[in-house]
Amino acid sequence: MRVAVWTFVLAGAVLRLWQYAGGASLWVDELAIARNLIDRPIQSLLTEPLAPVQVAPRGFLLLEKIIVNVCGPNDFAMRLLPLLASLASLVVFARLVLRVFV
């Protein structure tokens, strides 16, 4: 069972990385958040409402702003945090499955 679970994790990671490498354009709601991340300073992101009527967790905005400042304002940088979170969630879920079912 362990081999099967980790095989699925590996397959999921490969598929997720393949999707990320495909470089799809940002969607409208992602573009609205991206515009806020690019145009506003960190303090404004964390203390004022986002324009145009967007909502996001402050921790997410802080980490995204750091990534955009380090990597530059591009689609890959904007999607790096969600990519890392999705890869981490695969590992966490696999460990949970193994703990509960094995």
Protein backbone atom coordinates (compact mmCIF):
# COMPACT_ATOMS: atom_id res chain seq x y z
CA MET A 1 0.00 0.00 0.00
CA ARG A 2 2.85 2.41 0.79
CA VAL A 3 4.30 2.02 -2.69
CA ALA A 4 0.90 2.69 -4.27
CA VAL A 5 0.32 5.82 -2.18
CA TRP A 6 3.74 7.29 -2.98
CA THR A 7 3.29 6.37 -6.65
CA PHE A 8 0.10 8.44 -6.71
CA VAL A 9 1.91 11.29 -4.95
CA LEU A 10 4.66 11.20 -7.55
CA ALA A 11 2.12 11.10 -10.39
CA GLY A 12 0.24 14.03 -8.86
CA ALA A 13 3.43 16.03 -8.47
CA VAL A 14 4.47 15.35 -12.07
CA LEU A 15 1.04 16.42 -13.35
CA ARG A 16 1.06 19.56 -11.19
CA LEU A 17 4.55 20.53 -12.36
CA TRP A 18 3.56 19.85 -15.97
CA GLN A 19 0.58 22.18 -15.60
CA TYR A 20 2.78 24.87 -14.01
CA ALA A 21 5.39 24.55 -16.76
CA GLY A 22 2.66 24.96 -19.38
CA GLY A 23 2.55 28.65 -18.51
CA ALA A 24 -1.19 29.28 -18.83
CA SER A 25 -2.21 32.92 -18.61
CA LEU A 26 -3.71 34.32 -15.44
CA TRP A 27 -7.50 34.44 -15.21
CA VAL A 28 -9.46 37.65 -14.54
CA ASP A 29 -9.64 37.23 -10.75
CA GLU A 30 -5.96 36.27 -10.62
CA LEU A 31 -5.11 39.35 -12.69
CA ALA A 32 -6.99 41.57 -10.24
CA ILE A 33 -4.98 40.18 -7.31
CA ALA A 34 -1.78 40.42 -9.38
CA ARG A 35 -2.44 44.08 -10.13
CA ASN A 36 -2.78 44.74 -6.39
CA LEU A 37 0.45 42.83 -5.66
CA ILE A 38 2.41 44.71 -8.30
CA ASP A 39 1.07 48.22 -7.72
CA ARG A 40 0.75 48.41 -3.94
CA PRO A 41 3.31 48.39 -1.13
CA ILE A 42 3.18 45.63 1.49
CA GLN A 43 1.65 47.85 4.17
CA SER A 44 -1.19 48.88 1.87
CA LEU A 45 -1.84 45.25 0.92
CA LEU A 46 -2.15 44.25 4.55
CA THR A 47 -4.18 47.18 5.88
CA GLU A 48 -6.47 48.39 3.10
CA PRO A 49 -9.16 46.67 1.03
CA LEU A 50 -8.00 45.30 -2.29
CA ALA A 51 -9.20 46.85 -5.52
CA PRO A 52 -11.46 46.03 -7.41
CA VAL A 53 -13.43 44.34 -4.63
CA GLN A 54 -10.98 41.44 -4.24
CA VAL A 55 -10.35 39.45 -1.09
CA ALA A 56 -7.35 37.34 -0.09
CA PRO A 57 -5.79 36.20 3.19
CA ARG A 58 -3.14 38.59 4.49
CA GLY A 59 -0.55 35.84 4.88
CA PHE A 60 -1.05 34.81 1.26
CA LEU A 61 -0.71 38.42 0.10
CA LEU A 62 2.47 38.88 2.15
CA LEU A 63 4.12 35.74 0.77
CA GLU A 64 3.01 36.54 -2.79
CA LYS A 65 4.36 40.08 -2.51
CA ILE A 66 7.74 38.73 -1.35
CA ILE A 67 7.81 36.25 -4.25
CA VAL A 68 6.88 38.97 -6.77
CA ASN A 69 9.58 41.27 -5.39
CA VAL A 70 12.20 38.51 -5.62
CA CYS A 71 11.18 36.81 -8.89
CA GLY A 72 9.56 39.69 -10.76
CA PRO A 73 5.95 40.29 -11.78
CA ASN A 74 5.25 37.35 -14.08
CA ASP A 75 2.74 34.51 -14.29
CA PHE A 76 5.20 31.92 -12.96
CA ALA A 77 5.98 34.01 -9.89
CA MET A 78 2.28 34.60 -9.21
CA ARG A 79 1.60 30.86 -9.30
CA LEU A 80 4.69 29.70 -7.40
CA LEU A 81 3.12 29.80 -3.93
CA PRO A 82 0.02 27.83 -5.00
CA LEU A 83 2.32 25.31 -6.72
CA LEU A 84 4.39 24.80 -3.58
CA ALA A 85 1.25 24.53 -1.45
CA SER A 86 -0.25 21.92 -3.77
CA LEU A 87 2.94 19.83 -3.74
CA ALA A 88 3.11 20.03 0.05
CA SER A 89 -0.55 19.04 0.33
CA LEU A 90 0.13 15.90 -1.71
CA VAL A 91 2.76 14.82 0.81
CA VAL A 92 0.61 15.73 3.83
CA PHE A 93 -2.39 13.86 2.43
CA ALA A 94 -0.26 10.80 1.64
CA ARG A 95 1.10 10.72 5.18
CA LEU A 96 -2.44 11.04 6.53
CA VAL A 97 -3.62 8.16 4.34
CA LEU A 98 -0.75 5.99 5.49
CA ARG A 99 -1.36 6.83 9.13
CA VAL A 100 -5.10 6.12 8.96
CA PHE A 101 -5.15 3.09 6.68
CA VAL A 102 -1.83 1.33 7.28
